[in-house]
PDB file of all heavy atoms in Angstrom:
ATOM      1  N   LEU A   1       2.232  -4.227 -13.680  1.00  0.00           N
ATOM      2  CA  LEU A   1       1.914  -2.877 -13.220  1.00  0.00           C
ATOM      3  C   LEU A   1       2.352  -2.764 -11.764  1.00  0.00           C
ATOM      4  O   LEU A   1       1.810  -3.436 -10.879  1.00  0.00           O
ATOM      5  CB  LEU A   1       0.413  -2.592 -13.334  1.00  0.00           C
ATOM      6  CG  LEU A   1      -0.083  -1.292 -12.674  1.00  0.00           C
ATOM      7  CD1 LEU A   1       0.521  -0.083 -13.367  1.00  0.00           C
ATOM      8  CD2 LEU A   1      -1.593  -1.213 -12.678  1.00  0.00           C
ATOM      9  N   ASP A   2       3.350  -1.937 -11.524  1.00  0.00           N
ATOM     10  CA  ASP A   2       3.833  -1.676 -10.166  1.00  0.00           C
ATOM     11  C   ASP A   2       4.192  -0.207 -10.087  1.00  0.00           C
ATOM     12  O   ASP A   2       5.352   0.167  -9.933  1.00  0.00           O
ATOM     13  CB  ASP A   2       5.034  -2.573  -9.842  1.00  0.00           C
ATOM     14  CG  ASP A   2       5.496  -2.421  -8.396  1.00  0.00           C
ATOM     15  OD1 ASP A   2       4.745  -1.840  -7.589  1.00  0.00           O
ATOM     16  OD2 ASP A   2       6.617  -2.874  -8.083  1.00  0.00           O
ATOM     17  N   ALA A   3       3.173   0.643 -10.235  1.00  0.00           N
ATOM     18  CA  ALA A   3       3.366   2.083 -10.303  1.00  0.00           C
ATOM     19  C   ALA A   3       2.581   2.751  -9.176  1.00  0.00           C
ATOM     20  O   ALA A   3       1.373   2.507  -9.019  1.00  0.00           O
ATOM     21  CB  ALA A   3       2.906   2.621 -11.653  1.00  0.00           C
ATOM     22  N   TYR A   4       3.283   3.586  -8.428  1.00  0.00           N
ATOM     23  CA  TYR A   4       2.655   4.313  -7.322  1.00  0.00           C
ATOM     24  C   TYR A   4       3.045   5.776  -7.389  1.00  0.00           C
ATOM     25  O   TYR A   4       4.161   6.120  -7.781  1.00  0.00           O
ATOM     26  CB  TYR A   4       3.105   3.722  -5.976  1.00  0.00           C
ATOM     27  CG  TYR A   4       2.370   2.452  -5.601  1.00  0.00           C
ATOM     28  CD1 TYR A   4       2.621   1.266  -6.265  1.00  0.00           C
ATOM     29  CD2 TYR A   4       1.396   2.460  -4.604  1.00  0.00           C
ATOM     30  CE1 TYR A   4       1.942   0.107  -5.949  1.00  0.00           C
ATOM     31  CE2 TYR A   4       0.710   1.300  -4.275  1.00  0.00           C
ATOM     32  CZ  TYR A   4       0.988   0.134  -4.943  1.00  0.00           C
ATOM     33  OH  TYR A   4       0.297  -1.018  -4.634  1.00  0.00           O
ATOM     34  N   ALA A   5       2.106   6.628  -6.995  1.00  0.00           N
ATOM     35  CA  ALA A   5       2.366   8.059  -6.859  1.00  0.00           C
ATOM     36  C   ALA A   5       1.805   8.486  -5.513  1.00  0.00           C
ATOM     37  O   ALA A   5       0.604   8.316  -5.262  1.00  0.00           O
ATOM     38  CB  ALA A   5       1.704   8.846  -7.997  1.00  0.00           C
ATOM     39  N   GLY A   6       2.663   8.988  -4.650  1.00  0.00           N
ATOM     40  CA  GLY A   6       2.198   9.326  -3.315  1.00  0.00           C
ATOM     41  C   GLY A   6       1.680   8.116  -2.562  1.00  0.00           C
ATOM     42  O   GLY A   6       0.709   8.206  -1.813  1.00  0.00           O
ATOM     43  N   ALA A   7       2.306   6.961  -2.776  1.00  0.00           N
ATOM     44  CA  ALA A   7       1.966   5.692  -2.108  1.00  0.00           C
ATOM     45  C   ALA A   7       0.601   5.147  -2.532  1.00  0.00           C
ATOM     46  O   ALA A   7       0.035   4.293  -1.850  1.00  0.00           O
ATOM     47  CB  ALA A   7       2.013   5.842  -0.586  1.00  0.00           C
ATOM     48  N   ARG A   8       0.080   5.612  -3.678  1.00  0.00           N
ATOM     49  CA  ARG A   8      -1.204   5.121  -4.176  1.00  0.00           C
ATOM     50  C   ARG A   8      -1.075   4.769  -5.665  1.00  0.00           C
ATOM     51  O   ARG A   8      -0.343   5.432  -6.401  1.00  0.00           O
ATOM     52  CB  ARG A   8      -2.301   6.166  -3.968  1.00  0.00           C
ATOM     53  CG  ARG A   8      -2.449   6.611  -2.531  1.00  0.00           C
ATOM     54  CD  ARG A   8      -3.432   7.746  -2.360  1.00  0.00           C
ATOM     55  NE  ARG A   8      -4.809   7.283  -2.442  1.00  0.00           N
ATOM     56  CZ  ARG A   8      -5.865   8.076  -2.255  1.00  0.00           C
ATOM     57  NH1 ARG A   8      -5.694   9.372  -2.020  1.00  0.00           N
ATOM     58  NH2 ARG A   8      -7.083   7.588  -2.329  1.00  0.00           N
ATOM     59  N   VAL A   9      -1.802   3.749  -6.103  1.00  0.00           N
ATOM     60  CA  VAL A   9      -1.827   3.389  -7.518  1.00  0.00           C
ATOM     61  C   VAL A   9      -2.616   4.459  -8.274  1.00  0.00           C
ATOM     62  O   VAL A   9      -3.771   4.739  -7.929  1.00  0.00           O
ATOM     63  CB  VAL A   9      -2.487   2.012  -7.727  1.00  0.00           C
ATOM     64  CG1 VAL A   9      -2.469   1.634  -9.206  1.00  0.00           C
ATOM     65  CG2 VAL A   9      -1.801   0.942  -6.889  1.00  0.00           C
ATOM     66  N   PRO A  10      -2.038   5.079  -9.313  1.00  0.00           N
ATOM     67  CA  PRO A  10      -2.762   6.130 -10.032  1.00  0.00           C
ATOM     68  C   PRO A  10      -4.068   5.619 -10.637  1.00  0.00           C
ATOM     69  O   PRO A  10      -4.137   4.507 -11.164  1.00  0.00           O
ATOM     70  CB  PRO A  10      -1.768   6.535 -11.128  1.00  0.00           C
ATOM     71  CG  PRO A  10      -0.426   6.170 -10.575  1.00  0.00           C
ATOM     72  CD  PRO A  10      -0.660   4.913  -9.796  1.00  0.00           C
ATOM     73  N   ALA A  11      -5.093   6.452 -10.567  1.00  0.00           N
ATOM     74  CA  ALA A  11      -6.427   6.055 -11.020  1.00  0.00           C
ATOM     75  C   ALA A  11      -6.439   5.655 -12.490  1.00  0.00           C
ATOM     76  O   ALA A  11      -7.126   4.706 -12.890  1.00  0.00           O
ATOM     77  CB  ALA A  11      -7.412   7.199 -10.783  1.00  0.00           C
ATOM     78  N   GLU A  12      -5.669   6.341 -13.328  1.00  0.00           N
ATOM     79  CA  GLU A  12      -5.729   6.090 -14.770  1.00  0.00           C
ATOM     80  C   GLU A  12      -5.143   4.734 -15.164  1.00  0.00           C
ATOM     81  O   GLU A  12      -5.380   4.268 -16.282  1.00  0.00           O
ATOM     82  CB  GLU A  12      -5.018   7.206 -15.539  1.00  0.00           C
ATOM     83  CG  GLU A  12      -3.522   7.282 -15.322  1.00  0.00           C
ATOM     84  CD  GLU A  12      -3.122   8.174 -14.146  1.00  0.00           C
ATOM     85  OE1 GLU A  12      -3.995   8.469 -13.305  1.00  0.00           O
ATOM     86  OE2 GLU A  12      -1.938   8.559 -14.086  1.00  0.00           O
ATOM     87  N   LEU A  13      -4.432   4.069 -14.255  1.00  0.00           N
ATOM     88  CA  LEU A  13      -3.790   2.803 -14.588  1.00  0.00           C
ATOM     89  C   LEU A  13      -4.613   1.581 -14.186  1.00  0.00           C
ATOM     90  O   LEU A  13      -4.128   0.450 -14.307  1.00  0.00           O
ATOM     91  CB  LEU A  13      -2.405   2.726 -13.937  1.00  0.00           C
ATOM     92  CG  LEU A  13      -1.399   3.791 -14.390  1.00  0.00           C
ATOM     93  CD1 LEU A  13      -0.057   3.563 -13.733  1.00  0.00           C
ATOM     94  CD2 LEU A  13      -1.269   3.820 -15.910  1.00  0.00           C
ATOM     95  N   THR A  14      -5.832   1.796 -13.739  1.00  0.00           N
ATOM     96  CA  THR A  14      -6.675   0.645 -13.385  1.00  0.00           C
ATOM     97  C   THR A  14      -8.050   0.702 -14.057  1.00  0.00           C
ATOM     98  O   THR A  14      -8.935  -0.078 -13.723  1.00  0.00           O
ATOM     99  CB  THR A  14      -6.861   0.548 -11.858  1.00  0.00           C
ATOM    100  OG1 THR A  14      -7.343   1.787 -11.343  1.00  0.00           O
ATOM    101  CG2 THR A  14      -5.554   0.185 -11.175  1.00  0.00           C
ATOM    102  N   THR A  15      -8.231   1.608 -15.017  1.00  0.00           N
ATOM    103  CA  THR A  15      -9.511   1.663 -15.714  1.00  0.00           C
ATOM    104  C   THR A  15      -9.610   0.512 -16.713  1.00  0.00           C
ATOM    105  O   THR A  15      -8.600  -0.026 -17.176  1.00  0.00           O
ATOM    106  CB  THR A  15      -9.681   2.982 -16.473  1.00  0.00           C
ATOM    107  OG1 THR A  15      -8.734   3.023 -17.556  1.00  0.00           O
ATOM    108  CG2 THR A  15      -9.464   4.188 -15.562  1.00  0.00           C
ATOM    109  N   VAL A  16     -10.825   0.154 -17.059  1.00  0.00           N
ATOM    110  CA  VAL A  16     -11.015  -0.925 -18.029  1.00  0.00           C
ATOM    111  C   VAL A  16     -10.448  -0.532 -19.389  1.00  0.00           C
ATOM    112  O   VAL A  16      -9.979  -1.388 -20.147  1.00  0.00           O
ATOM    113  CB  VAL A  16     -12.507  -1.310 -18.115  1.00  0.00           C
ATOM    114  CG1 VAL A  16     -13.340  -0.200 -18.747  1.00  0.00           C
ATOM    115  CG2 VAL A  16     -12.695  -2.616 -18.865  1.00  0.00           C
ATOM    116  N   GLN A  17     -10.441   0.762 -19.681  1.00  0.00           N
ATOM    117  CA  GLN A  17      -9.871   1.211 -20.954  1.00  0.00           C
ATOM    118  C   GLN A  17      -8.363   0.967 -20.998  1.00  0.00           C
ATOM    119  O   GLN A  17      -7.825   0.464 -22.001  1.00  0.00           O
ATOM    120  CB  GLN A  17     -10.182   2.698 -21.173  1.00  0.00           C
ATOM    121  CG  GLN A  17     -11.640   2.986 -21.458  1.00  0.00           C
ATOM    122  CD  GLN A  17     -12.466   3.215 -20.194  1.00  0.00           C
ATOM    123  OE1 GLN A  17     -11.999   2.991 -19.084  1.00  0.00           O
ATOM    124  NE2 GLN A  17     -13.698   3.682 -20.383  1.00  0.00           N
ATOM    125  N   PHE A  18      -7.660   1.304 -19.918  1.00  0.00           N
ATOM    126  CA  PHE A  18      -6.221   1.055 -19.891  1.00  0.00           C
ATOM    127  C   PHE A  18      -5.931  -0.445 -19.889  1.00  0.00           C
ATOM    128  O   PHE A  18      -5.018  -0.915 -20.586  1.00  0.00           O
ATOM    129  CB  PHE A  18      -5.586   1.706 -18.662  1.00  0.00           C
ATOM    130  CG  PHE A  18      -4.117   1.373 -18.507  1.00  0.00           C
ATOM    131  CD1 PHE A  18      -3.173   1.919 -19.362  1.00  0.00           C
ATOM    132  CD2 PHE A  18      -3.689   0.505 -17.513  1.00  0.00           C
ATOM    133  CE1 PHE A  18      -1.822   1.608 -19.234  1.00  0.00           C
ATOM    134  CE2 PHE A  18      -2.345   0.188 -17.382  1.00  0.00           C
ATOM    135  CZ  PHE A  18      -1.406   0.746 -18.238  1.00  0.00           C
ATOM    136  N   LEU A  19      -6.700  -1.212 -19.130  1.00  0.00           N
ATOM    137  CA  LEU A  19      -6.483  -2.653 -19.073  1.00  0.00           C
ATOM    138  C   LEU A  19      -6.758  -3.313 -20.426  1.00  0.00           C
ATOM    139  O   LEU A  19      -6.139  -4.323 -20.768  1.00  0.00           O
ATOM    140  CB  LEU A  19      -7.353  -3.268 -17.975  1.00  0.00           C
ATOM    141  CG  LEU A  19      -7.030  -2.778 -16.553  1.00  0.00           C
ATOM    142  CD1 LEU A  19      -8.017  -3.356 -15.564  1.00  0.00           C
ATOM    143  CD2 LEU A  19      -5.598  -3.113 -16.168  1.00  0.00           C
ATOM    144  N   THR A  20      -7.652  -2.738 -21.210  1.00  0.00           N
ATOM    145  CA  THR A  20      -7.885  -3.237 -22.566  1.00  0.00           C
ATOM    146  C   THR A  20      -6.649  -3.019 -23.433  1.00  0.00           C
ATOM    147  O   THR A  20      -6.300  -3.865 -24.269  1.00  0.00           O
ATOM    148  CB  THR A  20      -9.111  -2.544 -23.189  1.00  0.00           C
ATOM    149  OG1 THR A  20     -10.268  -2.856 -22.399  1.00  0.00           O
ATOM    150  CG2 THR A  20      -9.337  -2.999 -24.622  1.00  0.00           C
ATOM    151  N   ASP A  21      -5.961  -1.907 -23.223  1.00  0.00           N
ATOM    152  CA  ASP A  21      -4.725  -1.668 -23.967  1.00  0.00           C
ATOM    153  C   ASP A  21      -3.626  -2.633 -23.509  1.00  0.00           C
ATOM    154  O   ASP A  21      -2.831  -3.106 -24.326  1.00  0.00           O
ATOM    155  CB  ASP A  21      -4.274  -0.220 -23.781  1.00  0.00           C
ATOM    156  CG  ASP A  21      -3.457   0.295 -24.964  1.00  0.00           C
ATOM    157  OD1 ASP A  21      -3.592  -0.271 -26.067  1.00  0.00           O
ATOM    158  OD2 ASP A  21      -2.688   1.254 -24.785  1.00  0.00           O
ATOM    159  N   VAL A  22      -3.600  -2.937 -22.211  1.00  0.00           N
ATOM    160  CA  VAL A  22      -2.655  -3.943 -21.721  1.00  0.00           C
ATOM    161  C   VAL A  22      -2.931  -5.288 -22.394  1.00  0.00           C
ATOM    162  O   VAL A  22      -2.008  -5.986 -22.831  1.00  0.00           O
ATOM    163  CB  VAL A  22      -2.758  -4.078 -20.186  1.00  0.00           C
ATOM    164  CG1 VAL A  22      -1.993  -5.307 -19.690  1.00  0.00           C
ATOM    165  CG2 VAL A  22      -2.230  -2.819 -19.500  1.00  0.00           C
ATOM    166  N   ALA A  23      -4.199  -5.660 -22.500  1.00  0.00           N
ATOM    167  CA  ALA A  23      -4.562  -6.925 -23.143  1.00  0.00           C
ATOM    168  C   ALA A  23      -4.108  -6.961 -24.593  1.00  0.00           C
ATOM    169  O   ALA A  23      -3.701  -8.014 -25.106  1.00  0.00           O
ATOM    170  CB  ALA A  23      -6.071  -7.139 -23.055  1.00  0.00           C
ATOM    171  N   ARG A  24      -4.160  -5.825 -25.272  1.00  0.00           N
ATOM    172  CA  ARG A  24      -3.690  -5.747 -26.664  1.00  0.00           C
ATOM    173  C   ARG A  24      -2.205  -6.088 -26.762  1.00  0.00           C
ATOM    174  O   ARG A  24      -1.757  -6.742 -27.714  1.00  0.00           O
ATOM    175  CB  ARG A  24      -3.945  -4.335 -27.201  1.00  0.00           C
ATOM    176  CG  ARG A  24      -3.386  -4.085 -28.599  1.00  0.00           C
ATOM    177  CD  ARG A  24      -3.493  -2.615 -28.984  1.00  0.00           C
ATOM    178  NE  ARG A  24      -2.730  -1.740 -28.109  1.00  0.00           N
ATOM    179  CZ  ARG A  24      -1.400  -1.570 -28.179  1.00  0.00           C
ATOM    180  NH1 ARG A  24      -0.696  -2.201 -29.093  1.00  0.00           N
ATOM    181  NH2 ARG A  24      -0.796  -0.743 -27.340  1.00  0.00           N
ATOM    182  N   VAL A  25      -1.438  -5.648 -25.788  1.00  0.00           N
ATOM    183  CA  VAL A  25       0.013  -5.843 -25.802  1.00  0.00           C
ATOM    184  C   VAL A  25       0.389  -7.283 -25.459  1.00  0.00           C
ATOM    185  O   VAL A  25       1.431  -7.783 -25.899  1.00  0.00           O
ATOM    186  CB  VAL A  25       0.674  -4.847 -24.820  1.00  0.00           C
ATOM    187  CG1 VAL A  25       2.153  -5.145 -24.621  1.00  0.00           C
ATOM    188  CG2 VAL A  25       0.478  -3.415 -25.314  1.00  0.00           C
ATOM    189  N   LEU A  26      -0.456  -7.970 -24.694  1.00  0.00           N
ATOM    190  CA  LEU A  26      -0.144  -9.332 -24.273  1.00  0.00           C
ATOM    191  C   LEU A  26      -0.296 -10.338 -25.408  1.00  0.00           C
ATOM    192  O   LEU A  26      -1.181 -10.207 -26.264  1.00  0.00           O
ATOM    193  CB  LEU A  26      -1.074  -9.754 -23.131  1.00  0.00           C
ATOM    194  CG  LEU A  26      -0.804  -9.148 -21.758  1.00  0.00           C
ATOM    195  CD1 LEU A  26      -1.931  -9.516 -20.810  1.00  0.00           C
ATOM    196  CD2 LEU A  26       0.535  -9.626 -21.208  1.00  0.00           C
ATOM    197  N   ARG A  27       0.566 -11.345 -25.397  1.00  0.00           N
ATOM    198  CA  ARG A  27       0.394 -12.486 -26.280  1.00  0.00           C
ATOM    199  C   ARG A  27      -0.792 -13.311 -25.800  1.00  0.00           C
ATOM    200  O   ARG A  27      -1.258 -13.143 -24.673  1.00  0.00           O
ATOM    201  CB  ARG A  27       1.695 -13.295 -26.313  1.00  0.00           C
ATOM    202  CG  ARG A  27       2.793 -12.526 -27.034  1.00  0.00           C
ATOM    203  CD  ARG A  27       4.182 -13.102 -26.869  1.00  0.00           C
ATOM    204  NE  ARG A  27       5.146 -12.268 -27.586  1.00  0.00           N
ATOM    205  CZ  ARG A  27       6.454 -12.303 -27.410  1.00  0.00           C
ATOM    206  NH1 ARG A  27       6.984 -13.148 -26.515  1.00  0.00           N
ATOM    207  NH2 ARG A  27       7.257 -11.507 -28.102  1.00  0.00           N
ATOM    208  N   PRO A  28      -1.322 -14.217 -26.638  1.00  0.00           N
ATOM    209  CA  PRO A  28      -2.573 -14.912 -26.297  1.00  0.00           C
ATOM    210  C   PRO A  28      -2.591 -15.571 -24.916  1.00  0.00           C
ATOM    211  O   PRO A  28      -3.606 -15.538 -24.224  1.00  0.00           O
ATOM    212  CB  PRO A  28      -2.702 -15.954 -27.414  1.00  0.00           C
ATOM    213  CG  PRO A  28      -2.027 -15.309 -28.585  1.00  0.00           C
ATOM    214  CD  PRO A  28      -0.873 -14.541 -28.009  1.00  0.00           C
ATOM    215  N   ASP A  29      -1.482 -16.167 -24.493  1.00  0.00           N
ATOM    216  CA  ASP A  29      -1.417 -16.794 -23.172  1.00  0.00           C
ATOM    217  C   ASP A  29      -0.644 -15.952 -22.176  1.00  0.00           C
ATOM    218  O   ASP A  29      -0.220 -16.465 -21.125  1.00  0.00           O
ATOM    219  CB  ASP A  29      -0.771 -18.183 -23.277  1.00  0.00           C
ATOM    220  CG  ASP A  29      -1.648 -19.162 -24.052  1.00  0.00           C
ATOM    221  OD1 ASP A  29      -2.883 -19.029 -23.957  1.00  0.00           O
ATOM    222  OD2 ASP A  29      -1.103 -20.035 -24.750  1.00  0.00           O
ATOM    223  N   GLY A  30      -0.476 -14.668 -22.471  1.00  0.00           N
ATOM    224  CA  GLY A  30       0.308 -13.807 -21.601  1.00  0.00           C
ATOM    225  C   GLY A  30      -0.388 -13.494 -20.294  1.00  0.00           C
ATOM    226  O   GLY A  30      -1.593 -13.724 -20.125  1.00  0.00           O
ATOM    227  N   LEU A  31       0.388 -12.958 -19.352  1.00  0.00           N
ATOM    228  CA  LEU A  31      -0.123 -12.632 -18.024  1.00  0.00           C
ATOM    229  C   LEU A  31      -0.046 -11.131 -17.765  1.00  0.00           C
ATOM    230  O   LEU A  31       0.956 -10.485 -18.095  1.00  0.00           O
ATOM    231  CB  LEU A  31       0.699 -13.338 -16.942  1.00  0.00           C
ATOM    232  CG  LEU A  31       0.546 -14.841 -16.753  1.00  0.00           C
ATOM    233  CD1 LEU A  31       1.449 -15.290 -15.609  1.00  0.00           C
ATOM    234  CD2 LEU A  31      -0.898 -15.206 -16.463  1.00  0.00           C
ATOM    235  N   ALA A  32      -1.102 -10.609 -17.164  1.00  0.00           N
ATOM    236  CA  ALA A  32      -1.068  -9.265 -16.601  1.00  0.00           C
ATOM    237  C   ALA A  32      -0.959  -9.414 -15.091  1.00  0.00           C
ATOM    238  O   ALA A  32      -1.749 -10.144 -14.476  1.00  0.00           O
ATOM    239  CB  ALA A  32      -2.336  -8.495 -16.965  1.00  0.00           C
ATOM    240  N   LEU A  33       0.017  -8.746 -14.492  1.00  0.00           N
ATOM    241  CA  LEU A  33       0.223  -8.779 -13.047  1.00  0.00           C
ATOM    242  C   LEU A  33       0.139  -7.354 -12.519  1.00  0.00           C
ATOM    243  O   LEU A  33       0.863  -6.477 -13.002  1.00  0.00           O
ATOM    244  CB  LEU A  33       1.589  -9.372 -12.703  1.00  0.00           C
ATOM    245  CG  LEU A  33       1.924 -10.757 -13.245  1.00  0.00           C
ATOM    246  CD1 LEU A  33       3.326 -11.172 -12.792  1.00  0.00           C
ATOM    247  CD2 LEU A  33       0.899 -11.766 -12.767  1.00  0.00           C
ATOM    248  N   LEU A  34      -0.721  -7.125 -11.537  1.00  0.00           N
ATOM    249  CA  LEU A  34      -0.908  -5.786 -10.993  1.00  0.00           C
ATOM    250  C   LEU A  34      -0.652  -5.801  -9.496  1.00  0.00           C
ATOM    251  O   LEU A  34      -1.324  -6.537  -8.751  1.00  0.00           O
ATOM    252  CB  LEU A  34      -2.336  -5.287 -11.246  1.00  0.00           C
ATOM    253  CG  LEU A  34      -2.694  -4.788 -12.639  1.00  0.00           C
ATOM    254  CD1 LEU A  34      -2.698  -5.926 -13.652  1.00  0.00           C
ATOM    255  CD2 LEU A  34      -4.056  -4.098 -12.625  1.00  0.00           C
ATOM    256  N   ASN A  35       0.302  -4.998  -9.051  1.00  0.00           N
ATOM    257  CA  ASN A  35       0.531  -4.827  -7.626  1.00  0.00           C
ATOM    258  C   ASN A  35      -0.386  -3.721  -7.123  1.00  0.00           C
ATOM    259  O   ASN A  35      -0.190  -2.542  -7.423  1.00  0.00           O
ATOM    260  CB  ASN A  35       1.999  -4.468  -7.352  1.00  0.00           C
ATOM    261  CG  ASN A  35       2.208  -4.103  -5.894  1.00  0.00           C
ATOM    262  OD1 ASN A  35       1.575  -4.667  -4.996  1.00  0.00           O
ATOM    263  ND2 ASN A  35       3.074  -3.140  -5.643  1.00  0.00           N
ATOM    264  N   LEU A  36      -1.400  -4.123  -6.357  1.00  0.00           N
ATOM    265  CA  LEU A  36      -2.404  -3.198  -5.855  1.00  0.00           C
ATOM    266  C   LEU A  36      -2.296  -3.107  -4.335  1.00  0.00           C
ATOM    267  O   LEU A  36      -1.639  -3.927  -3.697  1.00  0.00           O
ATOM    268  CB  LEU A  36      -3.806  -3.672  -6.244  1.00  0.00           C
ATOM    269  CG  LEU A  36      -4.009  -3.971  -7.738  1.00  0.00           C
ATOM    270  CD1 LEU A  36      -5.359  -4.643  -7.968  1.00  0.00           C
ATOM    271  CD2 LEU A  36      -3.886  -2.695  -8.571  1.00  0.00           C
ATOM    272  N   ALA A  37      -2.939  -2.128  -3.749  1.00  0.00           N
ATOM    273  CA  ALA A  37      -2.978  -1.995  -2.295  1.00  0.00           C
ATOM    274  C   ALA A  37      -4.397  -1.636  -1.893  1.00  0.00           C
ATOM    275  O   ALA A  37      -5.066  -0.843  -2.568  1.00  0.00           O
ATOM    276  CB  ALA A  37      -1.996  -0.929  -1.820  1.00  0.00           C
ATOM    277  N   ASP A  38      -4.874  -2.231  -0.805  1.00  0.00           N
ATOM    278  CA  ASP A  38      -6.269  -2.008  -0.428  1.00  0.00           C
ATOM    279  C   ASP A  38      -6.469  -2.190   1.067  1.00  0.00           C
ATOM    280  O   ASP A  38      -5.639  -2.765   1.778  1.00  0.00           O
ATOM    281  CB  ASP A  38      -7.177  -2.986  -1.186  1.00  0.00           C
ATOM    282  CG  ASP A  38      -8.605  -2.458  -1.351  1.00  0.00           C
ATOM    283  OD1 ASP A  38      -8.920  -1.396  -0.772  1.00  0.00           O
ATOM    284  OD2 ASP A  38      -9.393  -3.114  -2.056  1.00  0.00           O
ATOM    285  N   GLU A  39      -7.616  -1.701   1.504  1.00  0.00           N
ATOM    286  CA  GLU A  39      -8.054  -1.837   2.884  1.00  0.00           C
ATOM    287  C   GLU A  39      -8.775  -3.179   3.055  1.00  0.00           C
ATOM    288  O   GLU A  39      -9.145  -3.822   2.059  1.00  0.00           O
ATOM    289  CB  GLU A  39      -9.015  -0.695   3.226  1.00  0.00           C
ATOM    290  CG  GLU A  39      -8.409   0.688   3.049  1.00  0.00           C
ATOM    291  CD  GLU A  39      -9.457   1.782   3.050  1.00  0.00           C
ATOM    292  OE1 GLU A  39     -10.590   1.527   2.594  1.00  0.00           O
ATOM    293  OE2 GLU A  39      -9.124   2.884   3.507  1.00  0.00           O
ATOM    294  N   PRO A  40      -8.992  -3.610   4.302  1.00  0.00           N
ATOM    295  CA  PRO A  40      -9.812  -4.808   4.523  1.00  0.00           C
ATOM    296  C   PRO A  40     -11.158  -4.689   3.811  1.00  0.00           C
ATOM    297  O   PRO A  40     -11.803  -3.637   3.833  1.00  0.00           O
ATOM    298  CB  PRO A  40      -9.981  -4.825   6.046  1.00  0.00           C
ATOM    299  CG  PRO A  40      -8.736  -4.173   6.558  1.00  0.00           C
ATOM    300  CD  PRO A  40      -8.442  -3.077   5.573  1.00  0.00           C
TER     301      PRO A  40
END
């Protein structure tokens, strides 16, 4: 996941519901990688 809109990660792409769909797509030992941005 490396998606930004207006220099921010869209809210709908970090919900547990979306991440559950990502897990469905992954193979058993697959990796999910998310490029996030945050404050201290």
